[in-house]
């Protein structure tokens, strides 16, 4: 499986502002796209959604430290499966 992200080291120095209004909650994030974003949902009705762009420096940090990056999550899962296979082979003497 080919893991893809548009994250670049240059993002570390790209600033911006980010504010989640009161009464809204985060329901999804994606830091692997060229314009990282968060989806927020109005908490009372859970029906209204808004997409907010996240400063690239914040997206870079969070995705590098395993927060909100689907690519990183998939890589960790793939690594875990590989380690489990290796352990089973060692136990069985294969």
PDB file of N, CA and C in Angstrom:
ATOM      1  N   UNK A   1       0.850  -1.179   0.000  1.00  0.00           N
ATOM      2  CA  UNK A   1       0.000   0.000   0.000  1.00  0.00           C
ATOM      3  C   UNK A   1       0.892   1.237   0.000  1.00  0.00           C
ATOM      4  N   UNK A   2       0.638   2.135  -0.897  1.00  0.00           N
ATOM      5  CA  UNK A   2       1.417   3.362  -1.024  1.00  0.00           C
ATOM      6  C   UNK A   2       0.793   4.455  -0.169  1.00  0.00           C
ATOM      7  N   UNK A   3       1.554   4.950   0.789  1.00  0.00           N
ATOM      8  CA  UNK A   3       1.069   6.009   1.678  1.00  0.00           C
ATOM      9  C   UNK A   3       1.508   7.349   1.091  1.00  0.00           C
ATOM     10  N   UNK A   4       0.574   8.279   1.048  1.00  0.00           N
ATOM     11  CA  UNK A   4       0.868   9.573   0.438  1.00  0.00           C
ATOM     12  C   UNK A   4       0.453  10.716   1.361  1.00  0.00           C
ATOM     13  N   UNK A   5       1.321  11.692   1.421  1.00  0.00           N
ATOM     14  CA  UNK A   5       1.005  12.918   2.134  1.00  0.00           C
ATOM     15  C   UNK A   5       1.621  14.074   1.365  1.00  0.00           C
ATOM     16  N   UNK A   6       1.001  15.212   1.440  1.00  0.00           N
ATOM     17  CA  UNK A   6       1.542  16.401   0.788  1.00  0.00           C
ATOM     18  C   UNK A   6       2.345  17.262   1.759  1.00  0.00           C
ATOM     19  N   UNK A   7       2.510  16.772   2.980  1.00  0.00           N
ATOM     20  CA  UNK A   7       3.246  17.515   4.006  1.00  0.00           C
ATOM     21  C   UNK A   7       4.694  17.723   3.566  1.00  0.00           C
ATOM     22  N   UNK A   8       5.216  18.895   3.814  1.00  0.00           N
ATOM     23  CA  UNK A   8       6.606  19.238   3.481  1.00  0.00           C
ATOM     24  C   UNK A   8       7.261  19.876   4.696  1.00  0.00           C
ATOM     25  N   UNK A   9       8.569  19.729   4.808  1.00  0.00           N
ATOM     26  CA  UNK A   9       9.277  20.318   5.949  1.00  0.00           C
ATOM     27  C   UNK A   9       9.139  21.837   5.973  1.00  0.00           C
ATOM     28  N   UNK A  10       8.931  22.457   4.817  1.00  0.00           N
ATOM     29  CA  UNK A  10       8.765  23.912   4.750  1.00  0.00           C
ATOM     30  C   UNK A  10       7.535  24.379   5.536  1.00  0.00           C
ATOM     31  N   UNK A  11       6.589  23.468   5.751  1.00  0.00           N
ATOM     32  CA  UNK A  11       5.382  23.827   6.491  1.00  0.00           C
ATOM     33  C   UNK A  11       5.698  24.288   7.909  1.00  0.00           C
ATOM     34  N   UNK A  12       6.839  23.878   8.453  1.00  0.00           N
ATOM     35  CA  UNK A  12       7.188  24.228   9.832  1.00  0.00           C
ATOM     36  C   UNK A  12       7.198  25.732  10.059  1.00  0.00           C
ATOM     37  N   UNK A  13       7.467  26.493   9.018  1.00  0.00           N
ATOM     38  CA  UNK A  13       7.594  27.942   9.198  1.00  0.00           C
ATOM     39  C   UNK A  13       6.446  28.729   8.561  1.00  0.00           C
ATOM     40  N   UNK A  14       5.363  28.049   8.196  1.00  0.00           N
ATOM     41  CA  UNK A  14       4.210  28.743   7.608  1.00  0.00           C
ATOM     42  C   UNK A  14       3.153  28.926   8.691  1.00  0.00           C
ATOM     43  N   UNK A  15       2.929  30.153   9.064  1.00  0.00           N
ATOM     44  CA  UNK A  15       2.006  30.452  10.156  1.00  0.00           C
ATOM     45  C   UNK A  15       0.571  30.618   9.705  1.00  0.00           C
ATOM     46  N   UNK A  16      -0.210  31.170  10.582  1.00  0.00           N
ATOM     47  CA  UNK A  16      -1.618  31.403  10.310  1.00  0.00           C
ATOM     48  C   UNK A  16      -2.369  31.472  11.626  1.00  0.00           C
ATOM     49  N   UNK A  17      -3.665  31.569  11.548  1.00  0.00           N
ATOM     50  CA  UNK A  17      -4.470  31.590  12.763  1.00  0.00           C
ATOM     51  C   UNK A  17      -5.527  30.505  12.657  1.00  0.00           C
ATOM     52  N   UNK A  18      -6.001  30.082  13.814  1.00  0.00           N
ATOM     53  CA  UNK A  18      -6.955  28.983  13.866  1.00  0.00           C
ATOM     54  C   UNK A  18      -7.817  29.166  15.100  1.00  0.00           C
ATOM     55  N   UNK A  19      -9.124  29.187  14.902  1.00  0.00           N
ATOM     56  CA  UNK A  19     -10.033  29.364  16.033  1.00  0.00           C
ATOM     57  C   UNK A  19     -11.270  28.509  15.828  1.00  0.00           C
ATOM     58  N   UNK A  20     -11.624  27.758  16.854  1.00  0.00           N
ATOM     59  CA  UNK A  20     -12.852  26.977  16.852  1.00  0.00           C
ATOM     60  C   UNK A  20     -13.847  27.739  17.725  1.00  0.00           C
ATOM     61  N   UNK A  21     -14.978  28.133  17.172  1.00  0.00           N
ATOM     62  CA  UNK A  21     -15.950  28.894  17.961  1.00  0.00           C
ATOM     63  C   UNK A  21     -16.550  28.052  19.085  1.00  0.00           C
ATOM     64  N   UNK A  22     -16.949  28.713  20.162  1.00  0.00           N
ATOM     65  CA  UNK A  22     -17.660  28.019  21.239  1.00  0.00           C
ATOM     66  C   UNK A  22     -18.916  27.375  20.659  1.00  0.00           C
ATOM     67  N   UNK A  23     -19.265  26.221  21.185  1.00  0.00           N
ATOM     68  CA  UNK A  23     -20.464  25.539  20.737  1.00  0.00           C
ATOM     69  C   UNK A  23     -20.248  24.642  19.526  1.00  0.00           C
ATOM     70  N   UNK A  24     -19.022  24.522  19.077  1.00  0.00           N
ATOM     71  CA  UNK A  24     -18.681  23.670  17.947  1.00  0.00           C
ATOM     72  C   UNK A  24     -17.663  22.633  18.415  1.00  0.00           C
ATOM     73  N   UNK A  25     -17.705  21.445  17.813  1.00  0.00           N
ATOM     74  CA  UNK A  25     -16.737  20.410  18.176  1.00  0.00           C
ATOM     75  C   UNK A  25     -16.059  19.879  16.913  1.00  0.00           C
ATOM     76  N   UNK A  26     -14.851  19.381  17.078  1.00  0.00           N
ATOM     77  CA  UNK A  26     -14.077  18.822  15.970  1.00  0.00           C
ATOM     78  C   UNK A  26     -14.586  17.417  15.689  1.00  0.00           C
ATOM     79  N   UNK A  27     -14.904  17.141  14.429  1.00  0.00           N
ATOM     80  CA  UNK A  27     -15.382  15.808  14.057  1.00  0.00           C
ATOM     81  C   UNK A  27     -14.452  15.102  13.076  1.00  0.00           C
ATOM     82  N   UNK A  28     -13.517  15.833  12.451  1.00  0.00           N
ATOM     83  CA  UNK A  28     -12.575  15.212  11.529  1.00  0.00           C
ATOM     84  C   UNK A  28     -11.431  16.173  11.270  1.00  0.00           C
ATOM     85  N   UNK A  29     -10.246  15.615  11.034  1.00  0.00           N
ATOM     86  CA  UNK A  29      -9.098  16.411  10.610  1.00  0.00           C
ATOM     87  C   UNK A  29      -8.389  15.674   9.482  1.00  0.00           C
ATOM     88  N   UNK A  30      -7.692  16.418   8.638  1.00  0.00           N
ATOM     89  CA  UNK A  30      -6.864  15.814   7.601  1.00  0.00           C
ATOM     90  C   UNK A  30      -5.642  16.699   7.421  1.00  0.00           C
ATOM     91  N   UNK A  31      -4.495  16.182   7.851  1.00  0.00           N
ATOM     92  CA  UNK A  31      -3.241  16.918   7.753  1.00  0.00           C
ATOM     93  C   UNK A  31      -2.383  16.429   6.594  1.00  0.00           C
ATOM     94  N   UNK A  32      -2.886  15.504   5.783  1.00  0.00           N
ATOM     95  CA  UNK A  32      -2.104  14.915   4.697  1.00  0.00           C
ATOM     96  C   UNK A  32      -2.355  15.568   3.345  1.00  0.00           C
ATOM     97  N   UNK A  33      -3.209  16.552   3.297  1.00  0.00           N
ATOM     98  CA  UNK A  33      -3.532  17.233   2.036  1.00  0.00           C
ATOM     99  C   UNK A  33      -2.770  18.547   1.946  1.00  0.00           C
ATOM    100  N   UNK A  34      -2.721  19.111   0.742  1.00  0.00           N
ATOM    101  CA  UNK A  34      -1.997  20.364   0.518  1.00  0.00           C
ATOM    102  C   UNK A  34      -2.497  21.522   1.347  1.00  0.00           C
ATOM    103  N   UNK A  35      -3.785  21.545   1.617  1.00  0.00           N
ATOM    104  CA  UNK A  35      -4.394  22.559   2.482  1.00  0.00           C
ATOM    105  C   UNK A  35      -5.026  21.828   3.670  1.00  0.00           C
ATOM    106  N   UNK A  36      -4.253  21.593   4.743  1.00  0.00           N
ATOM    107  CA  UNK A  36      -4.776  20.844   5.892  1.00  0.00           C
ATOM    108  C   UNK A  36      -6.014  21.518   6.477  1.00  0.00           C
ATOM    109  N   UNK A  37      -6.949  20.678   6.924  1.00  0.00           N
ATOM    110  CA  UNK A  37      -8.204  21.230   7.408  1.00  0.00           C
ATOM    111  C   UNK A  37      -8.756  20.438   8.579  1.00  0.00           C
ATOM    112  N   UNK A  38      -9.749  21.053   9.211  1.00  0.00           N
ATOM    113  CA  UNK A  38     -10.520  20.422  10.276  1.00  0.00           C
ATOM    114  C   UNK A  38     -11.997  20.625   9.932  1.00  0.00           C
ATOM    115  N   UNK A  39     -12.791  19.611  10.204  1.00  0.00           N
ATOM    116  CA  UNK A  39     -14.244  19.733  10.062  1.00  0.00           C
ATOM    117  C   UNK A  39     -14.802  19.910  11.464  1.00  0.00           C
ATOM    118  N   UNK A  40     -15.579  20.980  11.651  1.00  0.00           N
ATOM    119  CA  UNK A  40     -16.222  21.201  12.946  1.00  0.00           C
ATOM    120  C   UNK A  40     -17.732  21.093  12.761  1.00  0.00           C
ATOM    121  N   UNK A  41     -18.398  20.678  13.818  1.00  0.00           N
ATOM    122  CA  UNK A  41     -19.846  20.484  13.781  1.00  0.00           C
ATOM    123  C   UNK A  41     -20.475  21.241  14.940  1.00  0.00           C
ATOM    124  N   UNK A  42     -21.593  21.882  14.674  1.00  0.00           N
ATOM    125  CA  UNK A  42     -22.322  22.612  15.711  1.00  0.00           C
ATOM    126  C   UNK A  42     -22.817  21.600  16.739  1.00  0.00           C
ATOM    127  N   UNK A  43     -22.463  21.812  17.995  1.00  0.00           N
ATOM    128  CA  UNK A  43     -22.669  20.809  19.042  1.00  0.00           C
ATOM    129  C   UNK A  43     -24.133  20.558  19.388  1.00  0.00           C
ATOM    130  N   UNK A  44     -24.980  21.572  19.353  1.00  0.00           N
ATOM    131  CA  UNK A  44     -26.383  21.380  19.750  1.00  0.00           C
ATOM    132  C   UNK A  44     -27.128  20.457  18.795  1.00  0.00           C
ATOM    133  N   UNK A  45     -27.046  20.745  17.519  1.00  0.00           N
ATOM    134  CA  UNK A  45     -27.825  19.978  16.544  1.00  0.00           C
ATOM    135  C   UNK A  45     -27.014  18.872  15.865  1.00  0.00           C
ATOM    136  N   UNK A  46     -25.706  18.978  15.907  1.00  0.00           N
ATOM    137  CA  UNK A  46     -24.794  18.055  15.223  1.00  0.00           C
ATOM    138  C   UNK A  46     -25.137  17.947  13.735  1.00  0.00           C
ATOM    139  N   UNK A  47     -25.678  19.032  13.189  1.00  0.00           N
ATOM    140  CA  UNK A  47     -26.066  18.994  11.772  1.00  0.00           C
ATOM    141  C   UNK A  47     -25.251  19.974  10.927  1.00  0.00           C
ATOM    142  N   UNK A  48     -24.972  21.150  11.442  1.00  0.00           N
ATOM    143  CA  UNK A  48     -24.200  22.131  10.690  1.00  0.00           C
ATOM    144  C   UNK A  48     -22.724  21.779  10.745  1.00  0.00           C
ATOM    145  N   UNK A  49     -22.073  21.767   9.578  1.00  0.00           N
ATOM    146  CA  UNK A  49     -20.639  21.505   9.508  1.00  0.00           C
ATOM    147  C   UNK A  49     -19.932  22.670   8.838  1.00  0.00           C
ATOM    148  N   UNK A  50     -18.696  22.895   9.272  1.00  0.00           N
ATOM    149  CA  UNK A  50     -17.833  23.894   8.637  1.00  0.00           C
ATOM    150  C   UNK A  50     -16.460  23.278   8.457  1.00  0.00           C
ATOM    151  N   UNK A  51     -15.801  23.674   7.397  1.00  0.00           N
ATOM    152  CA  UNK A  51     -14.430  23.239   7.136  1.00  0.00           C
ATOM    153  C   UNK A  51     -13.517  24.436   7.368  1.00  0.00           C
ATOM    154  N   UNK A  52     -12.562  24.282   8.279  1.00  0.00           N
ATOM    155  CA  UNK A  52     -11.613  25.351   8.593  1.00  0.00           C
ATOM    156  C   UNK A  52     -10.207  24.911   8.195  1.00  0.00           C
ATOM    157  N   UNK A  53      -9.464  25.812   7.574  1.00  0.00           N
ATOM    158  CA  UNK A  53      -8.075  25.509   7.260  1.00  0.00           C
ATOM    159  C   UNK A  53      -7.234  25.617   8.529  1.00  0.00           C
ATOM    160  N   UNK A  54      -6.245  24.768   8.632  1.00  0.00           N
ATOM    161  CA  UNK A  54      -5.357  24.738   9.795  1.00  0.00           C
ATOM    162  C   UNK A  54      -4.010  25.304   9.361  1.00  0.00           C
ATOM    163  N   UNK A  55      -3.383  26.129  10.182  1.00  0.00           N
ATOM    164  CA  UNK A  55      -2.040  26.607   9.827  1.00  0.00           C
ATOM    165  C   UNK A  55      -1.113  25.421   9.556  1.00  0.00           C
ATOM    166  N   UNK A  56      -0.347  25.534   8.490  1.00  0.00           N
ATOM    167  CA  UNK A  56       0.505  24.417   8.084  1.00  0.00           C
ATOM    168  C   UNK A  56       1.534  24.046   9.140  1.00  0.00           C
ATOM    169  N   UNK A  57       1.997  25.021   9.910  1.00  0.00           N
ATOM    170  CA  UNK A  57       2.976  24.696  10.958  1.00  0.00           C
ATOM    171  C   UNK A  57       2.348  23.794  12.016  1.00  0.00           C
ATOM    172  N   UNK A  58       1.096  24.032  12.364  1.00  0.00           N
ATOM    173  CA  UNK A  58       0.395  23.191  13.336  1.00  0.00           C
ATOM    174  C   UNK A  58       0.125  21.806  12.742  1.00  0.00           C
ATOM    175  N   UNK A  59      -0.322  21.764  11.498  1.00  0.00           N
ATOM    176  CA  UNK A  59      -0.579  20.481  10.832  1.00  0.00           C
ATOM    177  C   UNK A  59       0.706  19.667  10.739  1.00  0.00           C
ATOM    178  N   UNK A  60       1.815  20.315  10.414  1.00  0.00           N
ATOM    179  CA  UNK A  60       3.102  19.605  10.326  1.00  0.00           C
ATOM    180  C   UNK A  60       3.465  18.985  11.672  1.00  0.00           C
ATOM    181  N   UNK A  61       3.378  19.767  12.713  1.00  0.00           N
ATOM    182  CA  UNK A  61       3.737  19.273  14.040  1.00  0.00           C
ATOM    183  C   UNK A  61       2.851  18.099  14.458  1.00  0.00           C
ATOM    184  N   UNK A  62       1.546  18.274  14.347  1.00  0.00           N
ATOM    185  CA  UNK A  62       0.621  17.239  14.803  1.00  0.00           C
ATOM    186  C   UNK A  62       0.761  15.952  13.992  1.00  0.00           C
ATOM    187  N   UNK A  63       0.900  16.068  12.680  1.00  0.00           N
ATOM    188  CA  UNK A  63       1.010  14.855  11.864  1.00  0.00           C
ATOM    189  C   UNK A  63       2.358  14.180  12.051  1.00  0.00           C
ATOM    190  N   UNK A  64       3.400  14.938  12.317  1.00  0.00           N
ATOM    191  CA  UNK A  64       4.720  14.352  12.565  1.00  0.00           C
ATOM    192  C   UNK A  64       4.740  13.626  13.896  1.00  0.00           C
ATOM    193  N   UNK A  65       3.916  14.064  14.811  1.00  0.00           N
ATOM    194  CA  UNK A  65       3.858  13.437  16.135  1.00  0.00           C
ATOM    195  C   UNK A  65       2.626  12.540  16.274  1.00  0.00           C
ATOM    196  N   UNK A  66       2.203  11.958  15.132  1.00  0.00           N
ATOM    197  CA  UNK A  66       1.163  10.921  15.091  1.00  0.00           C
ATOM    198  C   UNK A  66      -0.225  11.415  15.464  1.00  0.00           C
ATOM    199  N   UNK A  67      -0.505  12.686  15.344  1.00  0.00           N
ATOM    200  CA  UNK A  67      -1.827  13.204  15.703  1.00  0.00           C
ATOM    201  C   UNK A  67      -2.576  13.612  14.440  1.00  0.00           C
ATOM    202  N   UNK A  68      -3.630  12.918  14.109  1.00  0.00           N
ATOM    203  CA  UNK A  68      -4.487  13.338  13.013  1.00  0.00           C
ATOM    204  C   UNK A  68      -4.008  13.022  11.622  1.00  0.00           C
ATOM    205  N   UNK A  69      -2.960  12.241  11.490  1.00  0.00           N
ATOM    206  CA  UNK A  69      -2.464  11.892  10.175  1.00  0.00           C
ATOM    207  C   UNK A  69      -2.916  10.480   9.827  1.00  0.00           C
ATOM    208  N   UNK A  70      -3.772  10.369   8.844  1.00  0.00           N
ATOM    209  CA  UNK A  70      -4.209   9.049   8.407  1.00  0.00           C
ATOM    210  C   UNK A  70      -3.043   8.246   7.844  1.00  0.00           C
ATOM    211  N   UNK A  71      -2.139   8.908   7.135  1.00  0.00           N
ATOM    212  CA  UNK A  71      -0.976   8.217   6.593  1.00  0.00           C
ATOM    213  C   UNK A  71      -0.123   7.653   7.724  1.00  0.00           C
ATOM    214  N   UNK A  72       0.114   8.454   8.757  1.00  0.00           N
ATOM    215  CA  UNK A  72       0.928   7.976   9.878  1.00  0.00           C
ATOM    216  C   UNK A  72       0.233   6.819  10.585  1.00  0.00           C
ATOM    217  N   UNK A  73      -1.080   6.917  10.771  1.00  0.00           N
ATOM    218  CA  UNK A  73      -1.827   5.835  11.422  1.00  0.00           C
ATOM    219  C   UNK A  73      -1.711   4.548  10.617  1.00  0.00           C
ATOM    220  N   UNK A  74      -1.857   4.662   9.295  1.00  0.00           N
ATOM    221  CA  UNK A  74      -1.737   3.483   8.437  1.00  0.00           C
ATOM    222  C   UNK A  74      -0.334   2.892   8.489  1.00  0.00           C
ATOM    223  N   UNK A  75       0.668   3.740   8.509  1.00  0.00           N
ATOM    224  CA  UNK A  75       2.048   3.244   8.611  1.00  0.00           C
ATOM    225  C   UNK A  75       2.283   2.514   9.928  1.00  0.00           C
ATOM    226  N   UNK A  76       1.752   3.046  11.007  1.00  0.00           N
ATOM    227  CA  UNK A  76       1.893   2.397  12.316  1.00  0.00           C
ATOM    228  C   UNK A  76       1.180   1.046  12.301  1.00  0.00           C
ATOM    229  N   UNK A  77      -0.012   0.992  11.738  1.00  0.00           N
ATOM    230  CA  UNK A  77      -0.739  -0.273  11.665  1.00  0.00           C
ATOM    231  C   UNK A  77       0.006  -1.288  10.810  1.00  0.00           C
ATOM    232  N   UNK A  78       0.533  -0.831   9.681  1.00  0.00           N
ATOM    233  CA  UNK A  78       1.290  -1.730   8.804  1.00  0.00           C
ATOM    234  C   UNK A  78       2.535  -2.261   9.510  1.00  0.00           C
ATOM    235  N   UNK A  79       3.235  -1.404  10.210  1.00  0.00           N
ATOM    236  CA  UNK A  79       4.422  -1.803  10.962  1.00  0.00           C
ATOM    237  C   UNK A  79       4.053  -2.818  12.051  1.00  0.00           C
ATOM    238  N   UNK A  80       2.948  -2.589  12.726  1.00  0.00           N
ATOM    239  CA  UNK A  80       2.489  -3.500  13.774  1.00  0.00           C
ATOM    240  C   UNK A  80       2.183  -4.873  13.197  1.00  0.00           C
ATOM    241  N   UNK A  81       1.496  -4.916  12.052  1.00  0.00           N
ATOM    242  CA  UNK A  81       1.202  -6.203  11.412  1.00  0.00           C
ATOM    243  C   UNK A  81       2.487  -6.933  11.046  1.00  0.00           C
ATOM    244  N   UNK A  82       3.443  -6.201  10.510  1.00  0.00           N
ATOM    245  CA  UNK A  82       4.731  -6.796  10.141  1.00  0.00           C
ATOM    246  C   UNK A  82       5.436  -7.375  11.369  1.00  0.00           C
ATOM    247  N   UNK A  83       5.459  -6.624  12.440  1.00  0.00           N
ATOM    248  CA  UNK A  83       6.105  -7.092  13.673  1.00  0.00           C
ATOM    249  C   UNK A  83       5.407  -8.335  14.224  1.00  0.00           C
ATOM    250  N   UNK A  84       4.090  -8.371  14.145  1.00  0.00           N
ATOM    251  CA  UNK A  84       3.348  -9.536  14.619  1.00  0.00           C
ATOM    252  C   UNK A  84       3.669 -10.768  13.773  1.00  0.00           C
ATOM    253  N   UNK A  85       3.730 -10.590  12.441  1.00  0.00           N
ATOM    254  CA  UNK A  85       4.087 -11.710  11.560  1.00  0.00           C
ATOM    255  C   UNK A  85       5.473 -12.242  11.902  1.00  0.00           C
ATOM    256  N   UNK A  86       6.405 -11.321  12.107  1.00  0.00           N
ATOM    257  CA  UNK A  86       7.773 -11.732  12.432  1.00  0.00           C
ATOM    258  C   UNK A  86       7.811 -12.496  13.753  1.00  0.00           C
ATOM    259  N   UNK A  87       7.086 -12.024  14.747  1.00  0.00           N
ATOM    260  CA  UNK A  87       7.039 -12.696  16.051  1.00  0.00           C
ATOM    261  C   UNK A  87       6.450 -14.097  15.919  1.00  0.00           C
ATOM    262  N   UNK A  88       5.385 -14.231  15.165  1.00  0.00           N
ATOM    263  CA  UNK A  88       4.751 -15.546  14.973  1.00  0.00           C
ATOM    264  C   UNK A  88       5.705 -16.507  14.263  1.00  0.00           C
ATOM    265  N   UNK A  89       6.411 -16.006  13.246  1.00  0.00           N
ATOM    266  CA  UNK A  89       7.389 -16.850  12.535  1.00  0.00           C
ATOM    267  C   UNK A  89       8.494 -17.314  13.487  1.00  0.00           C
ATOM    268  N   UNK A  90       8.981 -16.412  14.332  1.00  0.00           N
ATOM    269  CA  UNK A  90      10.021 -16.779  15.296  1.00  0.00           C
ATOM    270  C   UNK A  90       9.512 -17.831  16.277  1.00  0.00           C
ATOM    271  N   UNK A  91       8.308 -17.649  16.764  1.00  0.00           N
ATOM    272  CA  UNK A  91       7.732 -18.602  17.722  1.00  0.00           C
ATOM    273  C   UNK A  91       7.576 -19.979  17.095  1.00  0.00           C
ATOM    274  N   UNK A  92       7.149 -20.010  15.822  1.00  0.00           N
ATOM    275  CA  UNK A  92       6.933 -21.283  15.130  1.00  0.00           C
ATOM    276  C   UNK A  92       8.233 -21.853  14.546  1.00  0.00           C
ATOM    277  N   UNK A  93       9.304 -21.086  14.622  1.00  0.00           N
ATOM    278  CA  UNK A  93      10.580 -21.548  14.098  1.00  0.00           C
ATOM    279  C   UNK A  93      10.645 -21.589  12.592  1.00  0.00           C
ATOM    280  N   UNK A  94       9.911 -20.710  11.949  1.00  0.00           N
ATOM    281  CA  UNK A  94       9.900 -20.672  10.475  1.00  0.00           C
ATOM    282  C   UNK A  94      10.917 -19.706   9.918  1.00  0.00           C
TER     283      UNK A  94
END
